[in-house]
């Protein structure tokens, strides 16, 4: 089950809106959200991978939904699109043992995280 993903990897406009906001300490919201995303998302990806190997489509759907939401809120549109696809097609992906879908999700995550980090760095973020 191959799908062409058409959304851009990173939407600068969404990230720009977040970078204009700041928390109580004056730190850009994009910094805070990047930190949270970079720490929590690998755990979710691992949970998706583990659920796949256990043939747990429901577990995949739950974790993909969570990752879809956080990715979209940061402007990581292709990551959001891939998670939505996985959420909707988890049963088929598991039944056909399509591990490449999980592998491509992980590759997209690393690319997306790199772009977000570069953007955040331009905004004087660690």
PDB file of N, CA and C in Angstrom:
ATOM      1  N   UNK A   1       0.844  -1.168   0.000  1.00  0.00           N
ATOM      2  CA  UNK A   1       0.000   0.000   0.000  1.00  0.00           C
ATOM      3  C   UNK A   1       0.895   1.238   0.000  1.00  0.00           C
ATOM      4  N   UNK A   2       1.235   1.682  -1.174  1.00  0.00           N
ATOM      5  CA  UNK A   2       2.098   2.844  -1.355  1.00  0.00           C
ATOM      6  C   UNK A   2       1.233   4.083  -1.553  1.00  0.00           C
ATOM      7  N   UNK A   3       1.628   5.189  -0.988  1.00  0.00           N
ATOM      8  CA  UNK A   3       0.895   6.445  -1.145  1.00  0.00           C
ATOM      9  C   UNK A   3       1.888   7.557  -1.438  1.00  0.00           C
ATOM     10  N   UNK A   4       1.486   8.441  -2.320  1.00  0.00           N
ATOM     11  CA  UNK A   4       2.296   9.631  -2.577  1.00  0.00           C
ATOM     12  C   UNK A   4       1.879  10.704  -1.590  1.00  0.00           C
ATOM     13  N   UNK A   5       2.842  11.248  -0.890  1.00  0.00           N
ATOM     14  CA  UNK A   5       2.573  12.303   0.085  1.00  0.00           C
ATOM     15  C   UNK A   5       2.883  13.637  -0.569  1.00  0.00           C
ATOM     16  N   UNK A   6       1.910  14.516  -0.562  1.00  0.00           N
ATOM     17  CA  UNK A   6       2.001  15.733  -1.365  1.00  0.00           C
ATOM     18  C   UNK A   6       2.288  16.990  -0.561  1.00  0.00           C
ATOM     19  N   UNK A   7       2.098  16.951   0.724  1.00  0.00           N
ATOM     20  CA  UNK A   7       2.316  18.151   1.528  1.00  0.00           C
ATOM     21  C   UNK A   7       3.808  18.424   1.699  1.00  0.00           C
ATOM     22  N   UNK A   8       4.176  19.693   1.858  1.00  0.00           N
ATOM     23  CA  UNK A   8       5.589  20.000   2.115  1.00  0.00           C
ATOM     24  C   UNK A   8       6.001  19.446   3.473  1.00  0.00           C
ATOM     25  N   UNK A   9       7.271  19.207   3.619  1.00  0.00           N
ATOM     26  CA  UNK A   9       7.778  18.654   4.876  1.00  0.00           C
ATOM     27  C   UNK A   9       7.579  19.632   6.032  1.00  0.00           C
ATOM     28  N   UNK A  10       7.793  20.920   5.760  1.00  0.00           N
ATOM     29  CA  UNK A  10       7.798  21.912   6.829  1.00  0.00           C
ATOM     30  C   UNK A  10       7.107  23.184   6.366  1.00  0.00           C
ATOM     31  N   UNK A  11       6.173  23.680   7.164  1.00  0.00           N
ATOM     32  CA  UNK A  11       5.463  24.920   6.855  1.00  0.00           C
ATOM     33  C   UNK A  11       6.021  26.037   7.726  1.00  0.00           C
ATOM     34  N   UNK A  12       6.800  26.908   7.109  1.00  0.00           N
ATOM     35  CA  UNK A  12       7.461  27.989   7.839  1.00  0.00           C
ATOM     36  C   UNK A  12       6.443  28.952   8.453  1.00  0.00           C
ATOM     37  N   UNK A  13       5.311  29.161   7.808  1.00  0.00           N
ATOM     38  CA  UNK A  13       4.314  30.091   8.337  1.00  0.00           C
ATOM     39  C   UNK A  13       3.785  29.658   9.696  1.00  0.00           C
ATOM     40  N   UNK A  14       3.524  28.365   9.847  1.00  0.00           N
ATOM     41  CA  UNK A  14       3.050  27.867  11.145  1.00  0.00           C
ATOM     42  C   UNK A  14       4.131  28.054  12.196  1.00  0.00           C
ATOM     43  N   UNK A  15       5.355  27.666  11.863  1.00  0.00           N
ATOM     44  CA  UNK A  15       6.467  27.804  12.813  1.00  0.00           C
ATOM     45  C   UNK A  15       6.725  29.268  13.141  1.00  0.00           C
ATOM     46  N   UNK A  16       6.590  30.133  12.158  1.00  0.00           N
ATOM     47  CA  UNK A  16       6.806  31.562  12.365  1.00  0.00           C
ATOM     48  C   UNK A  16       5.814  32.129  13.372  1.00  0.00           C
ATOM     49  N   UNK A  17       4.572  31.703  13.264  1.00  0.00           N
ATOM     50  CA  UNK A  17       3.556  32.139  14.223  1.00  0.00           C
ATOM     51  C   UNK A  17       3.948  31.720  15.640  1.00  0.00           C
ATOM     52  N   UNK A  18       4.432  30.509  15.782  1.00  0.00           N
ATOM     53  CA  UNK A  18       4.847  30.015  17.099  1.00  0.00           C
ATOM     54  C   UNK A  18       6.083  30.758  17.617  1.00  0.00           C
ATOM     55  N   UNK A  19       6.973  31.112  16.704  1.00  0.00           N
ATOM     56  CA  UNK A  19       8.200  31.790  17.140  1.00  0.00           C
ATOM     57  C   UNK A  19       7.916  33.216  17.610  1.00  0.00           C
ATOM     58  N   UNK A  20       6.802  33.788  17.174  1.00  0.00           N
ATOM     59  CA  UNK A  20       6.431  35.137  17.612  1.00  0.00           C
ATOM     60  C   UNK A  20       5.839  35.138  19.014  1.00  0.00           C
ATOM     61  N   UNK A  21       5.388  33.990  19.467  1.00  0.00           N
ATOM     62  CA  UNK A  21       4.828  33.868  20.819  1.00  0.00           C
ATOM     63  C   UNK A  21       5.945  33.483  21.783  1.00  0.00           C
ATOM     64  N   UNK A  22       5.792  33.851  23.027  1.00  0.00           N
ATOM     65  CA  UNK A  22       6.808  33.482  24.008  1.00  0.00           C
ATOM     66  C   UNK A  22       6.143  33.036  25.301  1.00  0.00           C
ATOM     67  N   UNK A  23       6.900  32.262  26.086  1.00  0.00           N
ATOM     68  CA  UNK A  23       6.396  31.821  27.375  1.00  0.00           C
ATOM     69  C   UNK A  23       6.702  32.882  28.432  1.00  0.00           C
ATOM     70  N   UNK A  24       6.384  32.598  29.676  1.00  0.00           N
ATOM     71  CA  UNK A  24       6.578  33.580  30.754  1.00  0.00           C
ATOM     72  C   UNK A  24       8.037  33.976  30.931  1.00  0.00           C
ATOM     73  N   UNK A  25       8.941  33.076  30.596  1.00  0.00           N
ATOM     74  CA  UNK A  25      10.362  33.365  30.740  1.00  0.00           C
ATOM     75  C   UNK A  25      10.946  34.114  29.555  1.00  0.00           C
ATOM     76  N   UNK A  26      10.113  34.451  28.580  1.00  0.00           N
ATOM     77  CA  UNK A  26      10.579  35.173  27.410  1.00  0.00           C
ATOM     78  C   UNK A  26      11.125  34.278  26.315  1.00  0.00           C
ATOM     79  N   UNK A  27      11.142  32.978  26.567  1.00  0.00           N
ATOM     80  CA  UNK A  27      11.645  32.029  25.574  1.00  0.00           C
ATOM     81  C   UNK A  27      10.587  31.846  24.483  1.00  0.00           C
ATOM     82  N   UNK A  28      11.021  31.791  23.246  1.00  0.00           N
ATOM     83  CA  UNK A  28      10.110  31.588  22.131  1.00  0.00           C
ATOM     84  C   UNK A  28       9.354  30.275  22.315  1.00  0.00           C
ATOM     85  N   UNK A  29       8.070  30.305  22.014  1.00  0.00           N
ATOM     86  CA  UNK A  29       7.253  29.099  22.135  1.00  0.00           C
ATOM     87  C   UNK A  29       7.758  27.996  21.225  1.00  0.00           C
ATOM     88  N   UNK A  30       8.312  28.351  20.079  1.00  0.00           N
ATOM     89  CA  UNK A  30       8.843  27.342  19.159  1.00  0.00           C
ATOM     90  C   UNK A  30       9.987  26.573  19.817  1.00  0.00           C
ATOM     91  N   UNK A  31      10.762  27.242  20.656  1.00  0.00           N
ATOM     92  CA  UNK A  31      11.857  26.588  21.380  1.00  0.00           C
ATOM     93  C   UNK A  31      11.310  25.541  22.343  1.00  0.00           C
ATOM     94  N   UNK A  32      10.344  25.954  23.109  1.00  0.00           N
ATOM     95  CA  UNK A  32       9.746  25.060  24.102  1.00  0.00           C
ATOM     96  C   UNK A  32       9.084  23.857  23.421  1.00  0.00           C
ATOM     97  N   UNK A  33       8.350  24.122  22.355  1.00  0.00           N
ATOM     98  CA  UNK A  33       7.662  23.039  21.653  1.00  0.00           C
ATOM     99  C   UNK A  33       8.639  22.117  20.925  1.00  0.00           C
ATOM    100  N   UNK A  34       9.708  22.683  20.373  1.00  0.00           N
ATOM    101  CA  UNK A  34      10.731  21.850  19.752  1.00  0.00           C
ATOM    102  C   UNK A  34      11.324  20.887  20.781  1.00  0.00           C
ATOM    103  N   UNK A  35      11.646  21.425  21.963  1.00  0.00           N
ATOM    104  CA  UNK A  35      12.212  20.579  23.016  1.00  0.00           C
ATOM    105  C   UNK A  35      11.266  19.435  23.382  1.00  0.00           C
ATOM    106  N   UNK A  36       9.996  19.762  23.557  1.00  0.00           N
ATOM    107  CA  UNK A  36       9.014  18.730  23.898  1.00  0.00           C
ATOM    108  C   UNK A  36       8.875  17.699  22.781  1.00  0.00           C
ATOM    109  N   UNK A  37       8.776  18.179  21.557  1.00  0.00           N
ATOM    110  CA  UNK A  37       8.589  17.286  20.409  1.00  0.00           C
ATOM    111  C   UNK A  37       9.801  16.377  20.215  1.00  0.00           C
ATOM    112  N   UNK A  38      10.984  16.946  20.343  1.00  0.00           N
ATOM    113  CA  UNK A  38      12.197  16.153  20.114  1.00  0.00           C
ATOM    114  C   UNK A  38      12.404  15.090  21.189  1.00  0.00           C
ATOM    115  N   UNK A  39      11.810  15.297  22.356  1.00  0.00           N
ATOM    116  CA  UNK A  39      11.932  14.312  23.442  1.00  0.00           C
ATOM    117  C   UNK A  39      10.793  13.292  23.429  1.00  0.00           C
ATOM    118  N   UNK A  40       9.577  13.732  23.130  1.00  0.00           N
ATOM    119  CA  UNK A  40       8.425  12.827  23.216  1.00  0.00           C
ATOM    120  C   UNK A  40       8.186  12.021  21.940  1.00  0.00           C
ATOM    121  N   UNK A  41       8.482  12.584  20.797  1.00  0.00           N
ATOM    122  CA  UNK A  41       8.163  11.909  19.535  1.00  0.00           C
ATOM    123  C   UNK A  41       8.937  10.614  19.304  1.00  0.00           C
ATOM    124  N   UNK A  42      10.223  10.532  19.647  1.00  0.00           N
ATOM    125  CA  UNK A  42      10.914   9.244  19.478  1.00  0.00           C
ATOM    126  C   UNK A  42      10.266   8.121  20.294  1.00  0.00           C
ATOM    127  N   UNK A  43       9.726   8.467  21.446  1.00  0.00           N
ATOM    128  CA  UNK A  43       9.034   7.475  22.286  1.00  0.00           C
ATOM    129  C   UNK A  43       7.767   6.992  21.573  1.00  0.00           C
ATOM    130  N   UNK A  44       7.041   7.932  20.964  1.00  0.00           N
ATOM    131  CA  UNK A  44       5.826   7.574  20.229  1.00  0.00           C
ATOM    132  C   UNK A  44       6.166   6.733  19.005  1.00  0.00           C
ATOM    133  N   UNK A  45       7.229   7.111  18.289  1.00  0.00           N
ATOM    134  CA  UNK A  45       7.656   6.320  17.122  1.00  0.00           C
ATOM    135  C   UNK A  45       8.018   4.890  17.521  1.00  0.00           C
ATOM    136  N   UNK A  46       8.691   4.751  18.639  1.00  0.00           N
ATOM    137  CA  UNK A  46       9.046   3.417  19.132  1.00  0.00           C
ATOM    138  C   UNK A  46       7.784   2.632  19.487  1.00  0.00           C
ATOM    139  N   UNK A  47       6.809   3.302  20.082  1.00  0.00           N
ATOM    140  CA  UNK A  47       5.540   2.643  20.414  1.00  0.00           C
ATOM    141  C   UNK A  47       4.815   2.193  19.145  1.00  0.00           C
ATOM    142  N   UNK A  48       4.867   3.016  18.095  1.00  0.00           N
ATOM    143  CA  UNK A  48       4.259   2.633  16.814  1.00  0.00           C
ATOM    144  C   UNK A  48       4.964   1.399  16.251  1.00  0.00           C
ATOM    145  N   UNK A  49       6.283   1.415  16.285  1.00  0.00           N
ATOM    146  CA  UNK A  49       7.054   0.284  15.769  1.00  0.00           C
ATOM    147  C   UNK A  49       6.779  -0.992  16.576  1.00  0.00           C
ATOM    148  N   UNK A  50       6.743  -0.856  17.881  1.00  0.00           N
ATOM    149  CA  UNK A  50       6.449  -2.024  18.730  1.00  0.00           C
ATOM    150  C   UNK A  50       5.044  -2.556  18.471  1.00  0.00           C
ATOM    151  N   UNK A  51       4.075  -1.657  18.324  1.00  0.00           N
ATOM    152  CA  UNK A  51       2.695  -2.072  18.033  1.00  0.00           C
ATOM    153  C   UNK A  51       2.637  -2.788  16.685  1.00  0.00           C
ATOM    154  N   UNK A  52       3.392  -2.316  15.720  1.00  0.00           N
ATOM    155  CA  UNK A  52       3.428  -2.971  14.407  1.00  0.00           C
ATOM    156  C   UNK A  52       3.935  -4.398  14.552  1.00  0.00           C
ATOM    157  N   UNK A  53       5.022  -4.578  15.271  1.00  0.00           N
ATOM    158  CA  UNK A  53       5.593  -5.922  15.426  1.00  0.00           C
ATOM    159  C   UNK A  53       4.694  -6.846  16.238  1.00  0.00           C
ATOM    160  N   UNK A  54       3.845  -6.265  17.067  1.00  0.00           N
ATOM    161  CA  UNK A  54       2.869  -7.059  17.835  1.00  0.00           C
ATOM    162  C   UNK A  54       1.559  -7.235  17.066  1.00  0.00           C
ATOM    163  N   UNK A  55       1.497  -6.672  15.854  1.00  0.00           N
ATOM    164  CA  UNK A  55       0.287  -6.717  15.016  1.00  0.00           C
ATOM    165  C   UNK A  55      -0.895  -6.042  15.725  1.00  0.00           C
ATOM    166  N   UNK A  56      -0.604  -4.964  16.437  1.00  0.00           N
ATOM    167  CA  UNK A  56      -1.597  -4.222  17.208  1.00  0.00           C
ATOM    168  C   UNK A  56      -2.015  -2.957  16.447  1.00  0.00           C
ATOM    169  N   UNK A  57      -2.949  -3.111  15.531  1.00  0.00           N
ATOM    170  CA  UNK A  57      -3.393  -1.984  14.706  1.00  0.00           C
ATOM    171  C   UNK A  57      -3.997  -0.872  15.559  1.00  0.00           C
ATOM    172  N   UNK A  58      -4.706  -1.233  16.588  1.00  0.00           N
ATOM    173  CA  UNK A  58      -5.312  -0.227  17.467  1.00  0.00           C
ATOM    174  C   UNK A  58      -4.240   0.616  18.167  1.00  0.00           C
ATOM    175  N   UNK A  59      -3.183  -0.041  18.599  1.00  0.00           N
ATOM    176  CA  UNK A  59      -2.066   0.677  19.224  1.00  0.00           C
ATOM    177  C   UNK A  59      -1.389   1.623  18.245  1.00  0.00           C
ATOM    178  N   UNK A  60      -1.251   1.179  17.002  1.00  0.00           N
ATOM    179  CA  UNK A  60      -0.667   2.026  15.962  1.00  0.00           C
ATOM    180  C   UNK A  60      -1.548   3.248  15.748  1.00  0.00           C
ATOM    181  N   UNK A  61      -2.847   3.027  15.650  1.00  0.00           N
ATOM    182  CA  UNK A  61      -3.783   4.129  15.410  1.00  0.00           C
ATOM    183  C   UNK A  61      -3.712   5.171  16.524  1.00  0.00           C
ATOM    184  N   UNK A  62      -3.679   4.717  17.748  1.00  0.00           N
ATOM    185  CA  UNK A  62      -3.642   5.631  18.897  1.00  0.00           C
ATOM    186  C   UNK A  62      -2.370   6.475  18.887  1.00  0.00           C
ATOM    187  N   UNK A  63      -1.235   5.835  18.674  1.00  0.00           N
ATOM    188  CA  UNK A  63       0.040   6.549  18.689  1.00  0.00           C
ATOM    189  C   UNK A  63       0.194   7.455  17.464  1.00  0.00           C
ATOM    190  N   UNK A  64      -0.266   6.983  16.312  1.00  0.00           N
ATOM    191  CA  UNK A  64      -0.191   7.792  15.092  1.00  0.00           C
ATOM    192  C   UNK A  64      -1.058   9.044  15.232  1.00  0.00           C
ATOM    193  N   UNK A  65      -2.198   8.893  15.882  1.00  0.00           N
ATOM    194  CA  UNK A  65      -3.074  10.047  16.104  1.00  0.00           C
ATOM    195  C   UNK A  65      -2.372  11.100  16.968  1.00  0.00           C
ATOM    196  N   UNK A  66      -1.734  10.658  18.003  1.00  0.00           N
ATOM    197  CA  UNK A  66      -1.015  11.563  18.902  1.00  0.00           C
ATOM    198  C   UNK A  66       0.115  12.291  18.170  1.00  0.00           C
ATOM    199  N   UNK A  67       0.881  11.545  17.404  1.00  0.00           N
ATOM    200  CA  UNK A  67       2.003  12.127  16.672  1.00  0.00           C
ATOM    201  C   UNK A  67       1.517  13.040  15.542  1.00  0.00           C
ATOM    202  N   UNK A  68       0.398  12.694  14.950  1.00  0.00           N
ATOM    203  CA  UNK A  68      -0.202  13.526  13.892  1.00  0.00           C
ATOM    204  C   UNK A  68      -0.524  14.912  14.441  1.00  0.00           C
ATOM    205  N   UNK A  69      -1.127  14.959  15.597  1.00  0.00           N
ATOM    206  CA  UNK A  69      -1.530  16.238  16.195  1.00  0.00           C
ATOM    207  C   UNK A  69      -0.334  17.117  16.526  1.00  0.00           C
ATOM    208  N   UNK A  70       0.641  16.553  17.194  1.00  0.00           N
ATOM    209  CA  UNK A  70       1.793  17.363  17.592  1.00  0.00           C
ATOM    210  C   UNK A  70       2.613  17.793  16.373  1.00  0.00           C
ATOM    211  N   UNK A  71       2.727  16.935  15.380  1.00  0.00           N
ATOM    212  CA  UNK A  71       3.474  17.288  14.162  1.00  0.00           C
ATOM    213  C   UNK A  71       2.795  18.434  13.425  1.00  0.00           C
ATOM    214  N   UNK A  72       1.505  18.345  13.279  1.00  0.00           N
ATOM    215  CA  UNK A  72       0.768  19.385  12.576  1.00  0.00           C
ATOM    216  C   UNK A  72       0.834  20.730  13.268  1.00  0.00           C
ATOM    217  N   UNK A  73       0.798  20.718  14.587  1.00  0.00           N
ATOM    218  CA  UNK A  73       0.829  21.989  15.317  1.00  0.00           C
ATOM    219  C   UNK A  73       2.174  22.694  15.188  1.00  0.00           C
ATOM    220  N   UNK A  74       3.215  21.967  14.809  1.00  0.00           N
ATOM    221  CA  UNK A  74       4.541  22.558  14.621  1.00  0.00           C
ATOM    222  C   UNK A  74       4.843  22.869  13.157  1.00  0.00           C
ATOM    223  N   UNK A  75       3.901  22.570  12.276  1.00  0.00           N
ATOM    224  CA  UNK A  75       4.116  22.831  10.861  1.00  0.00           C
ATOM    225  C   UNK A  75       4.826  21.709  10.127  1.00  0.00           C
ATOM    226  N   UNK A  76       4.910  20.543  10.743  1.00  0.00           N
ATOM    227  CA  UNK A  76       5.560  19.389  10.116  1.00  0.00           C
ATOM    228  C   UNK A  76       4.488  18.626   9.331  1.00  0.00           C
ATOM    229  N   UNK A  77       4.115  19.197   8.197  1.00  0.00           N
ATOM    230  CA  UNK A  77       2.928  18.764   7.470  1.00  0.00           C
ATOM    231  C   UNK A  77       3.043  17.379   6.853  1.00  0.00           C
ATOM    232  N   UNK A  78       4.202  17.035   6.327  1.00  0.00           N
ATOM    233  CA  UNK A  78       4.327  15.703   5.747  1.00  0.00           C
ATOM    234  C   UNK A  78       4.299  14.636   6.849  1.00  0.00           C
ATOM    235  N   UNK A  79       4.861  14.951   7.968  1.00  0.00           N
ATOM    236  CA  UNK A  79       4.801  14.032   9.112  1.00  0.00           C
ATOM    237  C   UNK A  79       3.341  13.849   9.537  1.00  0.00           C
ATOM    238  N   UNK A  80       2.617  14.945   9.587  1.00  0.00           N
ATOM    239  CA  UNK A  80       1.196  14.894   9.924  1.00  0.00           C
ATOM    240  C   UNK A  80       0.427  14.040   8.901  1.00  0.00           C
ATOM    241  N   UNK A  81       0.737  14.245   7.630  1.00  0.00           N
ATOM    242  CA  UNK A  81       0.060  13.502   6.567  1.00  0.00           C
ATOM    243  C   UNK A  81       0.367  12.004   6.654  1.00  0.00           C
ATOM    244  N   UNK A  82       1.606  11.671   6.919  1.00  0.00           N
ATOM    245  CA  UNK A  82       1.981  10.254   7.038  1.00  0.00           C
ATOM    246  C   UNK A  82       1.325   9.602   8.248  1.00  0.00           C
ATOM    247  N   UNK A  83       1.249  10.330   9.345  1.00  0.00           N
ATOM    248  CA  UNK A  83       0.600   9.798  10.543  1.00  0.00           C
ATOM    249  C   UNK A  83      -0.893   9.589  10.312  1.00  0.00           C
ATOM    250  N   UNK A  84      -1.508  10.530   9.599  1.00  0.00           N
ATOM    251  CA  UNK A  84      -2.933  10.388   9.284  1.00  0.00           C
ATOM    252  C   UNK A  84      -3.167   9.153   8.407  1.00  0.00           C
ATOM    253  N   UNK A  85      -2.301   8.959   7.427  1.00  0.00           N
ATOM    254  CA  UNK A  85      -2.389   7.769   6.578  1.00  0.00           C
ATOM    255  C   UNK A  85      -2.265   6.499   7.418  1.00  0.00           C
ATOM    256  N   UNK A  86      -1.287   6.478   8.305  1.00  0.00           N
ATOM    257  CA  UNK A  86      -1.070   5.300   9.146  1.00  0.00           C
ATOM    258  C   UNK A  86      -2.243   5.079  10.090  1.00  0.00           C
ATOM    259  N   UNK A  87      -2.758   6.151  10.640  1.00  0.00           N
ATOM    260  CA  UNK A  87      -3.903   6.048  11.542  1.00  0.00           C
ATOM    261  C   UNK A  87      -5.104   5.421  10.817  1.00  0.00           C
ATOM    262  N   UNK A  88      -5.360   5.879   9.595  1.00  0.00           N
ATOM    263  CA  UNK A  88      -6.515   5.393   8.837  1.00  0.00           C
ATOM    264  C   UNK A  88      -6.305   4.006   8.246  1.00  0.00           C
ATOM    265  N   UNK A  89      -5.056   3.622   8.017  1.00  0.00           N
ATOM    266  CA  UNK A  89      -4.764   2.370   7.314  1.00  0.00           C
ATOM    267  C   UNK A  89      -3.991   1.360   8.152  1.00  0.00           C
ATOM    268  N   UNK A  90      -4.001   1.511   9.448  1.00  0.00           N
ATOM    269  CA  UNK A  90      -3.213   0.628  10.319  1.00  0.00           C
ATOM    270  C   UNK A  90      -3.569  -0.843  10.127  1.00  0.00           C
ATOM    271  N   UNK A  91      -4.845  -1.138   9.998  1.00  0.00           N
ATOM    272  CA  UNK A  91      -5.246  -2.542   9.826  1.00  0.00           C
ATOM    273  C   UNK A  91      -4.646  -3.140   8.562  1.00  0.00           C
ATOM    274  N   UNK A  92      -4.683  -2.390   7.467  1.00  0.00           N
ATOM    275  CA  UNK A  92      -4.126  -2.881   6.200  1.00  0.00           C
ATOM    276  C   UNK A  92      -2.612  -3.000   6.261  1.00  0.00           C
ATOM    277  N   UNK A  93      -1.975  -2.029   6.881  1.00  0.00           N
ATOM    278  CA  UNK A  93      -0.514  -2.029   6.997  1.00  0.00           C
ATOM    279  C   UNK A  93      -0.051  -3.241   7.804  1.00  0.00           C
ATOM    280  N   UNK A  94      -0.754  -3.529   8.891  1.00  0.00           N
ATOM    281  CA  UNK A  94      -0.408  -4.687   9.718  1.00  0.00           C
ATOM    282  C   UNK A  94      -0.699  -5.986   8.978  1.00  0.00           C
ATOM    283  N   UNK A  95      -1.871  -6.072   8.362  1.00  0.00           N
ATOM    284  CA  UNK A  95      -2.261  -7.304   7.661  1.00  0.00           C
ATOM    285  C   UNK A  95      -1.296  -7.650   6.536  1.00  0.00           C
ATOM    286  N   UNK A  96      -0.816  -6.636   5.831  1.00  0.00           N
ATOM    287  CA  UNK A  96       0.101  -6.870   4.705  1.00  0.00           C
ATOM    288  C   UNK A  96       1.568  -6.858   5.144  1.00  0.00           C
ATOM    289  N   UNK A  97       1.795  -6.670   6.439  1.00  0.00           N
ATOM    290  CA  UNK A  97       3.153  -6.641   6.991  1.00  0.00           C
ATOM    291  C   UNK A  97       4.033  -5.620   6.270  1.00  0.00           C
ATOM    292  N   UNK A  98       3.497  -4.430   6.076  1.00  0.00           N
ATOM    293  CA  UNK A  98       4.185  -3.375   5.316  1.00  0.00           C
ATOM    294  C   UNK A  98       5.073  -2.530   6.227  1.00  0.00           C
ATOM    295  N   UNK A  99       6.184  -3.123   6.624  1.00  0.00           N
ATOM    296  CA  UNK A  99       7.112  -2.448   7.523  1.00  0.00           C
ATOM    297  C   UNK A  99       7.695  -1.191   6.890  1.00  0.00           C
ATOM    298  N   UNK A 100       7.736  -1.125   5.562  1.00  0.00           N
ATOM    299  CA  UNK A 100       8.295   0.059   4.903  1.00  0.00           C
ATOM    300  C   UNK A 100       7.516   1.325   5.272  1.00  0.00           C
ATOM    301  N   UNK A 101       6.230   1.197   5.582  1.00  0.00           N
ATOM    302  CA  UNK A 101       5.436   2.363   5.979  1.00  0.00           C
ATOM    303  C   UNK A 101       5.983   2.944   7.289  1.00  0.00           C
ATOM    304  N   UNK A 102       6.353   2.068   8.203  1.00  0.00           N
ATOM    305  CA  UNK A 102       6.930   2.493   9.480  1.00  0.00           C
ATOM    306  C   UNK A 102       8.322   3.080   9.250  1.00  0.00           C
ATOM    307  N   UNK A 103       9.100   2.420   8.421  1.00  0.00           N
ATOM    308  CA  UNK A 103      10.455   2.903   8.119  1.00  0.00           C
ATOM    309  C   UNK A 103      10.418   4.289   7.475  1.00  0.00           C
ATOM    310  N   UNK A 104       9.498   4.486   6.540  1.00  0.00           N
ATOM    311  CA  UNK A 104       9.376   5.793   5.884  1.00  0.00           C
ATOM    312  C   UNK A 104       8.902   6.867   6.865  1.00  0.00           C
ATOM    313  N   UNK A 105       8.057   6.490   7.804  1.00  0.00           N
ATOM    314  CA  UNK A 105       7.614   7.425   8.835  1.00  0.00           C
ATOM    315  C   UNK A 105       8.806   7.880   9.676  1.00  0.00           C
ATOM    316  N   UNK A 106       9.670   6.944  10.038  1.00  0.00           N
ATOM    317  CA  UNK A 106      10.846   7.290  10.837  1.00  0.00           C
ATOM    318  C   UNK A 106      11.801   8.193  10.056  1.00  0.00           C
ATOM    319  N   UNK A 107      11.991   7.911   8.772  1.00  0.00           N
ATOM    320  CA  UNK A 107      12.848   8.771   7.946  1.00  0.00           C
ATOM    321  C   UNK A 107      12.266  10.178   7.845  1.00  0.00           C
ATOM    322  N   UNK A 108      10.974  10.257   7.644  1.00  0.00           N
ATOM    323  CA  UNK A 108      10.309  11.560   7.563  1.00  0.00           C
ATOM    324  C   UNK A 108      10.451  12.312   8.887  1.00  0.00           C
ATOM    325  N   UNK A 109      10.337  11.600   9.992  1.00  0.00           N
ATOM    326  CA  UNK A 109      10.487  12.223  11.307  1.00  0.00           C
ATOM    327  C   UNK A 109      11.868  12.854  11.440  1.00  0.00           C
ATOM    328  N   UNK A 110      12.900  12.131  11.093  1.00  0.00           N
ATOM    329  CA  UNK A 110      14.267  12.655  11.246  1.00  0.00           C
ATOM    330  C   UNK A 110      14.502  13.871  10.345  1.00  0.00           C
ATOM    331  N   UNK A 111      13.989  13.812   9.138  1.00  0.00           N
ATOM    332  CA  UNK A 111      14.105  14.955   8.230  1.00  0.00           C
ATOM    333  C   UNK A 111      13.334  16.157   8.787  1.00  0.00           C
ATOM    334  N   UNK A 112      12.128  15.915   9.260  1.00  0.00           N
ATOM    335  CA  UNK A 112      11.284  16.986   9.810  1.00  0.00           C
ATOM    336  C   UNK A 112      11.910  17.609  11.045  1.00  0.00           C
ATOM    337  N   UNK A 113      12.430  16.768  11.921  1.00  0.00           N
ATOM    338  CA  UNK A 113      13.050  17.270  13.145  1.00  0.00           C
ATOM    339  C   UNK A 113      14.278  18.113  12.813  1.00  0.00           C
ATOM    340  N   UNK A 114      15.035  17.692  11.832  1.00  0.00           N
ATOM    341  CA  UNK A 114      16.210  18.463  11.410  1.00  0.00           C
ATOM    342  C   UNK A 114      15.794  19.838  10.895  1.00  0.00           C
ATOM    343  N   UNK A 115      14.761  19.888  10.057  1.00  0.00           N
ATOM    344  CA  UNK A 115      14.282  21.166   9.532  1.00  0.00           C
ATOM    345  C   UNK A 115      13.761  22.071  10.647  1.00  0.00           C
ATOM    346  N   UNK A 116      13.055  21.486  11.584  1.00  0.00           N
ATOM    347  CA  UNK A 116      12.532  22.262  12.705  1.00  0.00           C
ATOM    348  C   UNK A 116      13.671  22.801  13.571  1.00  0.00           C
ATOM    349  N   UNK A 117      14.676  21.979  13.799  1.00  0.00           N
ATOM    350  CA  UNK A 117      15.825  22.414  14.583  1.00  0.00           C
ATOM    351  C   UNK A 117      16.567  23.548  13.882  1.00  0.00           C
ATOM    352  N   UNK A 118      16.749  23.417  12.567  1.00  0.00           N
ATOM    353  CA  UNK A 118      17.415  24.479  11.809  1.00  0.00           C
ATOM    354  C   UNK A 118      16.620  25.779  11.885  1.00  0.00           C
ATOM    355  N   UNK A 119      15.306  25.673  11.758  1.00  0.00           N
ATOM    356  CA  UNK A 119      14.461  26.869  11.837  1.00  0.00           C
ATOM    357  C   UNK A 119      14.557  27.483  13.234  1.00  0.00           C
ATOM    358  N   UNK A 120      14.446  26.634  14.238  1.00  0.00           N
ATOM    359  CA  UNK A 120      14.517  27.119  15.611  1.00  0.00           C
ATOM    360  C   UNK A 120      15.875  27.745  15.884  1.00  0.00           C
ATOM    361  N   UNK A 121      16.938  27.194  15.315  1.00  0.00           N
ATOM    362  CA  UNK A 121      18.273  27.750  15.468  1.00  0.00           C
ATOM    363  C   UNK A 121      18.400  29.134  14.883  1.00  0.00           C
ATOM    364  N   UNK A 122      17.706  29.368  13.786  1.00  0.00           N
ATOM    365  CA  UNK A 122      17.693  30.694  13.179  1.00  0.00           C
ATOM    366  C   UNK A 122      16.993  31.696  14.080  1.00  0.00           C
ATOM    367  N   UNK A 123      16.119  31.173  14.929  1.00  0.00           N
ATOM    368  CA  UNK A 123      15.397  32.024  15.870  1.00  0.00           C
ATOM    369  C   UNK A 123      16.113  32.076  17.221  1.00  0.00           C
ATOM    370  N   UNK A 124      17.426  31.763  17.170  1.00  0.00           N
ATOM    371  CA  UNK A 124      18.291  31.770  18.357  1.00  0.00           C
ATOM    372  C   UNK A 124      17.819  30.772  19.415  1.00  0.00           C
ATOM    373  N   UNK A 125      17.539  29.544  18.944  1.00  0.00           N
ATOM    374  CA  UNK A 125      17.117  28.457  19.806  1.00  0.00           C
ATOM    375  C   UNK A 125      18.254  27.444  19.864  1.00  0.00           C
ATOM    376  N   UNK A 126      18.423  26.818  21.005  1.00  0.00           N
ATOM    377  CA  UNK A 126      19.488  25.815  21.144  1.00  0.00           C
ATOM    378  C   UNK A 126      19.287  24.650  20.226  1.00  0.00           C
TER     379      UNK A 126
END
